[in-house]
Amino acid sequence: MSLSPNPEVIVFNLKERYTGVSATVNALVPLQMEQWPLGYCGTTLSNGVRGMTLREATRLSRHPPPDRPFRIWHVRRDHEMMAGLWARDLLKLPIRLVFTSAAQHRHGWFPRWLISRMDAVISTTDKAASFVPNTSAVVAHGIDLARFSPSPDKLAAWADSGLPGRYGIGVFGRVRLDKGTDVFVEAMIAVLPQFPEATAVIAGLAQPQHRTFEESLRQKIAAAGLSQRIVFLGEVPASRVADWYQRCLICVACPRYEPFGLTPFEAAATGCALICSRTGAFEALVQPGVNGLLVDTGDASGLAQALSTLLADPTTTATLGRHALDRVRMDFTLEREADGIGAVYRRLFAGA
């Protein structure tokens, strides 16, 4: 399949840096290309899909596609909503705007105004929908199960990492305060001396403004004598992230705030047991005692206790990981997300 020269839907991703939104678009676009005459506007995706410029999307949208009264622009960021309103309301182009909202807090006045002007709004969780009165549908993010799949043997996969121990514990995402990297480090410093077969990895970039924070964590780890067992991997290329999920027995996601949070969903698809803080969509994913455990945000001692529980019985923890995979397969597949989004598109076209 390929992008349509005259698409009914154009998906936008107007940001250079690779983010969670970028990851969502990167996963969805190839699947949506099979379902819709689809166009893509924005930064070239890591899967090789090249996007048109905003100027090109605007020029293309001067006229509707064949047999449709308008074209849909699907946007996910404030500046993309602004571009859509400029095209629809000032240039009077025949387009309709769909926005995906993930934030689990009251938006500022300007984003609220932008969202109020959308033709349809998709919220990623019920909580996110509670802050957006004009939500059209709740559609959770989904995971590409072809890309994120379990390894035949997690112990063998960990051995291939070259790191010490038999079991891996991973935290994935940016290294910064709101992601709770310090909470993870504090918990690991408390737990690892009791479990010599475990090693922790921190997979994620510390941007320049957060490097002092990262360095302070490195110093704490060194002072505890654990520099060989709490390892900073830095930014892992998108094509290699699944390898580290497959190696880890446990995935920890302990941010203080998260709009949705894809990493534990991806990790669950590779058979990781989960320990997540109560934010984002994590409470929809984690079934305590079945596929993982939940802890309060910012609670390092609670996280340490949860880690101790899972590390004390690796066999049972591996079973939790298999149940986490079952959970994703049941309710959080990429196909399910694409179908939910497609239903919103169809209702817009039908309403016209």
Protein backbone atom coordinates (compact mmCIF):
# COMPACT_ATOMS: atom_id res chain seq x y z
CA MET A 1 0.00 0.00 0.00
CA SER A 2 1.07 3.61 -0.54
CA LEU A 3 -0.13 7.08 0.29
CA SER A 4 -2.95 8.33 -1.91
CA PRO A 5 -2.28 11.19 -4.37
CA ASN A 6 -5.79 12.49 -3.65
CA PRO A 7 -6.55 11.35 -0.09
CA GLU A 8 -9.82 11.52 1.82
CA VAL A 9 -7.87 11.86 5.09
CA ILE A 10 -4.58 13.63 5.80
CA VAL A 11 -2.80 12.72 9.05
CA PHE A 12 -0.55 15.42 10.53
CA ASN A 13 2.69 15.15 12.53
CA LEU A 14 4.29 18.60 12.36
CA LYS A 15 7.13 18.11 14.85
CA GLU A 16 10.75 17.29 14.15
CA ARG A 17 11.53 15.56 17.45
CA TYR A 18 10.34 11.98 17.89
CA THR A 19 7.72 11.91 20.67
CA GLY A 20 4.91 9.67 21.89
CA VAL A 21 2.62 11.34 19.35
CA SER A 22 5.16 10.57 16.63
CA ALA A 23 5.24 6.93 17.74
CA THR A 24 1.45 6.73 17.52
CA VAL A 25 1.38 8.23 14.02
CA ASN A 26 4.32 6.07 12.93
CA ALA A 27 2.43 2.92 13.93
CA LEU A 28 -1.01 3.92 12.66
CA VAL A 29 -0.25 5.40 9.24
CA PRO A 30 0.80 2.15 7.51
CA LEU A 31 -2.36 0.42 8.80
CA GLN A 32 -4.63 3.35 7.93
CA MET A 33 -3.14 3.36 4.42
CA GLU A 34 -4.76 -0.05 3.97
CA GLN A 35 -8.15 1.26 5.12
CA TRP A 36 -8.43 4.75 3.64
CA PRO A 37 -7.18 6.85 0.73
CA LEU A 38 -4.66 8.43 3.11
CA GLY A 39 -2.22 11.31 2.98
CA TYR A 40 0.47 12.22 5.49
CA CYS A 41 1.79 15.70 6.30
CA GLY A 42 4.88 16.18 8.44
CA THR A 43 8.27 14.83 9.39
CA THR A 44 9.44 11.66 7.64
CA LEU A 45 8.43 8.75 9.85
CA SER A 46 10.93 6.24 11.21
CA ASN A 47 9.23 3.57 9.08
CA GLY A 48 10.22 5.53 5.95
CA VAL A 49 6.87 7.17 5.12
CA ARG A 50 7.64 10.63 3.73
CA GLY A 51 5.22 13.46 4.40
CA MET A 52 4.05 16.39 2.35
CA THR A 53 4.57 19.94 3.61
CA LEU A 54 1.78 22.03 5.12
CA ARG A 55 1.85 24.16 1.98
CA GLU A 56 1.35 21.04 -0.14
CA ALA A 57 -1.48 19.80 2.09
CA THR A 58 -3.18 23.19 1.82
CA ARG A 59 -2.83 23.28 -1.94
CA LEU A 60 -4.14 19.72 -2.26
CA SER A 61 -7.14 20.56 -0.07
CA ARG A 62 -8.45 23.42 -2.22
CA HIS A 63 -10.89 20.92 -3.69
CA PRO A 64 -12.52 17.89 -2.04
CA PRO A 65 -11.51 14.36 -3.03
CA PRO A 66 -13.67 12.37 -5.48
CA ASP A 67 -17.15 11.55 -4.19
CA ARG A 68 -16.62 13.38 -0.87
CA PRO A 69 -17.86 16.84 0.13
CA PHE A 70 -14.69 17.55 2.10
CA ARG A 71 -11.34 16.15 3.18
CA ILE A 72 -10.49 15.28 6.81
CA TRP A 73 -7.39 16.66 8.50
CA HIS A 74 -6.48 14.60 11.58
CA VAL A 75 -4.36 16.67 13.96
CA ARG A 76 -2.88 15.94 17.39
CA ARG A 77 -1.11 19.13 18.55
CA ASP A 78 -2.09 22.74 19.25
CA HIS A 79 -0.16 24.19 16.32
CA GLU A 80 -1.72 21.61 14.02
CA MET A 81 -5.19 22.67 15.20
CA MET A 82 -4.20 26.28 14.48
CA ALA A 83 -3.09 25.35 10.96
CA GLY A 84 -6.36 23.50 10.43
CA LEU A 85 -8.50 26.44 11.58
CA TRP A 86 -6.51 28.79 9.35
CA ALA A 87 -7.15 26.48 6.38
CA ARG A 88 -10.82 25.79 7.14
CA ASP A 89 -12.07 29.13 8.46
CA LEU A 90 -9.83 31.73 6.80
CA LEU A 91 -8.99 30.07 3.50
CA LYS A 92 -12.45 28.41 3.43
CA LEU A 93 -11.04 25.08 2.29
CA PRO A 94 -13.45 22.12 2.16
CA ILE A 95 -11.97 20.26 5.13
CA ARG A 96 -13.12 18.96 8.49
CA LEU A 97 -10.86 18.75 11.53
CA VAL A 98 -10.43 15.76 13.83
CA PHE A 99 -8.31 16.20 16.97
CA THR A 100 -6.98 13.51 19.31
CA SER A 101 -6.82 14.61 22.96
CA ALA A 102 -4.78 12.68 25.55
CA ALA A 103 -4.27 15.26 28.32
CA GLN A 104 -5.73 14.31 31.70
CA HIS A 105 -6.08 17.82 33.04
CA ARG A 106 -8.04 20.96 32.27
CA HIS A 107 -6.56 22.59 29.20
CA GLY A 108 -5.58 26.24 29.18
CA TRP A 109 -8.06 28.70 27.72
CA PHE A 110 -6.44 28.80 24.28
CA PRO A 111 -6.23 25.01 23.74
CA ARG A 112 -9.82 24.77 25.04
CA TRP A 113 -10.90 27.28 22.42
CA LEU A 114 -9.01 25.42 19.69
CA ILE A 115 -10.56 22.10 20.71
CA SER A 116 -14.03 23.65 20.80
CA ARG A 117 -13.62 24.52 17.12
CA MET A 118 -12.89 20.95 16.01
CA ASP A 119 -15.43 18.99 13.99
CA ALA A 120 -14.71 15.81 15.98
CA VAL A 121 -12.59 15.04 19.03
CA ILE A 122 -11.16 11.64 19.93
CA SER A 123 -10.08 11.20 23.57
CA THR A 124 -7.67 8.40 24.42
CA THR A 125 -9.15 7.62 27.87
CA ASP A 126 -12.38 8.24 29.74
CA LYS A 127 -10.49 10.57 32.08
CA ALA A 128 -9.17 12.61 29.15
CA ALA A 129 -12.71 12.77 27.79
CA SER A 130 -13.94 14.22 31.09
CA PHE A 131 -11.90 17.35 30.35
CA VAL A 132 -13.17 17.72 26.78
CA PRO A 133 -16.93 18.33 26.64
CA ASN A 134 -17.10 17.89 22.87
CA THR A 135 -15.50 14.43 22.78
CA SER A 136 -16.91 12.39 19.90
CA ALA A 137 -15.41 9.02 20.87
CA VAL A 138 -12.99 7.41 23.32
CA VAL A 139 -10.36 5.39 21.46
CA ALA A 140 -7.37 4.03 23.36
CA HIS A 141 -3.97 3.85 21.75
CA GLY A 142 -3.08 0.45 20.38
CA ILE A 143 0.11 -1.55 19.99
CA ASP A 144 1.57 -3.07 16.84
CA LEU A 145 1.83 -6.72 17.86
CA ALA A 146 3.99 -7.52 14.85
CA ARG A 147 6.63 -5.06 16.04
CA PHE A 148 6.29 -5.71 19.78
CA SER A 149 6.22 -9.44 20.45
CA PRO A 150 7.60 -11.71 23.19
CA SER A 151 10.96 -13.44 22.94
CA PRO A 152 10.97 -17.24 23.19
CA ASP A 153 12.99 -17.05 26.41
CA LYS A 154 13.42 -13.87 28.46
CA LEU A 155 16.35 -15.27 30.43
CA ALA A 156 18.23 -16.04 27.23
CA ALA A 157 17.31 -12.64 25.82
CA TRP A 158 18.68 -10.94 28.93
CA ALA A 159 21.90 -12.92 28.68
CA ASP A 160 22.34 -11.53 25.16
CA SER A 161 22.34 -7.98 26.58
CA GLY A 162 25.81 -8.48 28.04
CA LEU A 163 24.72 -6.97 31.35
CA PRO A 164 25.10 -8.75 34.70
CA GLY A 165 22.44 -10.83 36.41
CA ARG A 166 19.67 -13.08 35.14
CA TYR A 167 16.69 -10.71 35.20
CA GLY A 168 16.20 -7.25 33.73
CA ILE A 169 14.05 -4.42 35.07
CA GLY A 170 13.51 -1.55 32.66
CA VAL A 171 12.14 1.96 32.70
CA PHE A 172 11.61 3.57 29.31
CA GLY A 173 11.17 7.20 28.33
CA ARG A 174 12.78 10.60 28.82
CA VAL A 175 15.07 11.03 31.81
CA ARG A 176 13.48 13.86 33.78
CA LEU A 177 11.62 14.62 36.97
CA ASP A 178 8.05 14.33 35.70
CA LYS A 179 8.84 10.88 34.26
CA GLY A 180 9.82 9.73 37.75
CA THR A 181 13.33 8.59 36.85
CA ASP A 182 14.44 9.61 40.34
CA VAL A 183 11.67 7.50 41.88
CA PHE A 184 12.88 4.49 39.89
CA VAL A 185 16.50 5.05 40.92
CA GLU A 186 15.63 5.45 44.60
CA ALA A 187 13.57 2.25 44.54
CA MET A 188 16.28 0.30 42.73
CA ILE A 189 18.94 1.45 45.18
CA ALA A 190 16.77 0.05 47.97
CA VAL A 191 15.90 -3.22 46.23
CA LEU A 192 18.89 -4.41 44.21
CA PRO A 193 21.16 -5.30 47.16
CA GLN A 194 18.54 -7.88 48.20
CA PHE A 195 18.31 -9.39 44.70
CA PRO A 196 21.79 -9.95 43.23
CA GLU A 197 20.43 -11.61 40.08
CA ALA A 198 18.58 -8.45 38.95
CA THR A 199 19.89 -5.49 36.95
CA ALA A 200 18.03 -2.30 36.06
CA VAL A 201 18.22 -0.33 32.81
CA ILE A 202 17.13 3.24 32.15
CA ALA A 203 16.38 3.62 28.44
CA GLY A 204 15.82 7.20 27.40
CA LEU A 205 17.35 10.53 26.50
CA ALA A 206 18.14 13.28 28.96
CA GLN A 207 17.73 16.53 27.04
CA PRO A 208 20.21 19.33 27.76
CA GLN A 209 17.99 20.97 30.39
CA HIS A 210 17.73 17.65 32.25
CA ARG A 211 21.38 16.55 32.21
CA THR A 212 22.12 17.99 35.64
CA PHE A 213 19.21 15.90 36.93
CA GLU A 214 20.62 12.80 35.23
CA GLU A 215 24.08 13.45 36.62
CA SER A 216 22.68 13.73 40.15
CA LEU A 217 21.09 10.30 39.70
CA ARG A 218 24.36 8.83 38.44
CA GLN A 219 26.11 10.17 41.52
CA LYS A 220 23.52 8.60 43.83
CA ILE A 221 23.90 5.28 42.05
CA ALA A 222 27.69 5.43 42.26
CA ALA A 223 27.54 6.29 45.97
CA ALA A 224 25.42 3.18 46.48
CA GLY A 225 27.98 1.07 44.59
CA LEU A 226 25.45 0.08 41.94
CA SER A 227 26.81 1.67 38.77
CA GLN A 228 27.17 -1.77 37.15
CA ARG A 229 23.61 -2.75 38.02
CA ILE A 230 21.64 0.44 37.28
CA VAL A 231 22.67 1.18 33.73
CA PHE A 232 21.81 4.23 31.63
CA LEU A 233 21.33 3.12 28.02
CA GLY A 234 20.77 6.63 26.66
CA GLU A 235 18.38 7.13 23.77
CA VAL A 236 17.61 3.75 22.23
CA PRO A 237 16.76 3.89 18.49
CA ALA A 238 13.09 3.22 17.83
CA SER A 239 14.06 0.12 15.86
CA ARG A 240 15.83 -1.37 18.93
CA VAL A 241 13.40 -0.53 21.74
CA ALA A 242 11.53 -3.82 21.33
CA ASP A 243 14.78 -5.71 21.92
CA TRP A 244 15.07 -4.20 25.40
CA TYR A 245 11.45 -4.87 26.25
CA GLN A 246 12.00 -8.50 25.27
CA ARG A 247 15.03 -8.71 27.56
CA CYS A 248 13.28 -7.33 30.65
CA LEU A 249 11.26 -9.44 33.03
CA ILE A 250 9.62 -6.33 34.55
CA CYS A 251 8.76 -2.97 33.03
CA VAL A 252 8.34 -0.05 35.41
CA ALA A 253 6.46 3.11 34.42
CA CYS A 254 6.43 5.53 37.35
CA PRO A 255 5.82 9.04 36.00
CA ARG A 256 4.31 11.69 38.22
CA TYR A 257 1.99 12.62 35.33
CA GLU A 258 1.32 11.02 31.96
CA PRO A 259 -1.41 11.79 29.42
CA PHE A 260 -1.54 8.18 28.19
CA GLY A 261 1.86 6.46 28.37
CA LEU A 262 2.65 3.92 25.64
CA THR A 263 5.75 2.28 27.08
CA PRO A 264 4.11 -0.21 29.48
CA PHE A 265 1.63 -1.18 26.76
CA GLU A 266 4.53 -1.90 24.38
CA ALA A 267 6.38 -3.77 27.13
CA ALA A 268 3.27 -5.81 27.96
CA ALA A 269 3.10 -6.89 24.32
CA THR A 270 6.53 -8.49 24.79
CA GLY A 271 5.46 -10.32 27.96
CA CYS A 272 6.79 -7.99 30.65
CA ALA A 273 5.15 -7.93 34.06
CA LEU A 274 4.19 -4.34 34.89
CA ILE A 275 4.59 -1.95 37.79
CA CYS A 276 2.95 1.38 37.02
CA SER A 277 2.03 4.53 38.87
CA ARG A 278 -1.58 5.64 38.98
CA THR A 279 -1.60 8.08 36.09
CA GLY A 280 -2.12 8.03 32.33
CA ALA A 281 -3.96 5.00 31.02
CA PHE A 282 -2.08 2.64 33.30
CA GLU A 283 -5.05 1.76 35.50
CA ALA A 284 -6.89 0.59 32.38
CA LEU A 285 -4.00 -1.73 31.54
CA VAL A 286 -2.74 -3.07 34.87
CA GLN A 287 -4.83 -5.62 36.72
CA PRO A 288 -3.17 -5.79 40.16
CA GLY A 289 -2.05 -9.30 40.99
CA VAL A 290 -2.98 -10.53 37.51
CA ASN A 291 -0.52 -8.83 35.17
CA GLY A 292 1.33 -6.47 37.49
CA LEU A 293 1.01 -3.98 40.32
CA LEU A 294 0.03 -0.32 40.77
CA VAL A 295 1.74 2.23 43.03
CA ASP A 296 1.04 5.85 43.89
CA THR A 297 2.83 8.55 41.91
CA GLY A 298 6.08 9.68 43.48
CA ASP A 299 6.09 6.76 45.94
CA ALA A 300 9.61 5.30 45.85
CA SER A 301 9.07 3.11 48.92
CA GLY A 302 5.85 1.72 47.44
CA LEU A 303 7.66 1.02 44.18
CA ALA A 304 10.47 -0.72 46.08
CA GLN A 305 7.94 -2.92 47.87
CA ALA A 306 6.23 -3.81 44.58
CA LEU A 307 9.58 -4.66 42.99
CA SER A 308 10.51 -6.84 45.95
CA THR A 309 7.23 -8.72 45.61
CA LEU A 310 7.81 -9.51 41.94
CA LEU A 311 11.54 -10.23 42.20
CA ALA A 312 10.98 -12.66 45.10
CA ASP A 313 9.15 -15.04 42.74
CA PRO A 314 10.44 -14.74 39.13
CA THR A 315 8.38 -17.73 37.95
CA THR A 316 5.10 -16.13 39.04
CA THR A 317 6.28 -12.79 37.66
CA ALA A 318 6.84 -14.40 34.25
CA THR A 319 3.22 -15.59 34.43
CA LEU A 320 2.10 -12.02 35.12
CA GLY A 321 3.96 -11.01 31.99
CA ARG A 322 2.07 -13.54 29.91
CA HIS A 323 -1.19 -12.19 31.30
CA ALA A 324 -0.05 -8.65 30.39
CA LEU A 325 0.41 -9.84 26.81
CA ASP A 326 -3.08 -11.34 26.84
CA ARG A 327 -4.47 -8.02 28.07
CA VAL A 328 -2.93 -6.08 25.20
CA ARG A 329 -4.05 -8.64 22.65
CA MET A 330 -7.60 -8.37 23.94
CA ASP A 331 -8.10 -4.61 24.29
CA PHE A 332 -5.13 -2.56 23.05
CA THR A 333 -4.22 -3.60 19.53
CA LEU A 334 -3.34 -1.18 16.77
CA GLU A 335 -6.19 -2.61 14.68
CA ARG A 336 -8.68 -1.76 17.41
CA GLU A 337 -7.39 1.82 17.54
CA ALA A 338 -7.52 2.20 13.75
CA ASP A 339 -11.08 0.86 13.67
CA GLY A 340 -12.18 3.32 16.38
CA ILE A 341 -10.64 6.24 14.53
CA GLY A 342 -12.13 5.06 11.26
CA ALA A 343 -15.61 5.02 12.83
CA VAL A 344 -15.19 8.73 13.66
CA TYR A 345 -14.17 9.48 10.09
CA ARG A 346 -17.17 7.59 8.73
CA ARG A 347 -19.59 9.44 11.02
CA LEU A 348 -18.21 12.77 9.81
CA PHE A 349 -18.63 11.82 6.18
CA ALA A 350 -22.09 10.37 6.83
CA GLY A 351 -23.17 13.50 8.69
CA ALA A 352 -22.30 15.60 5.69
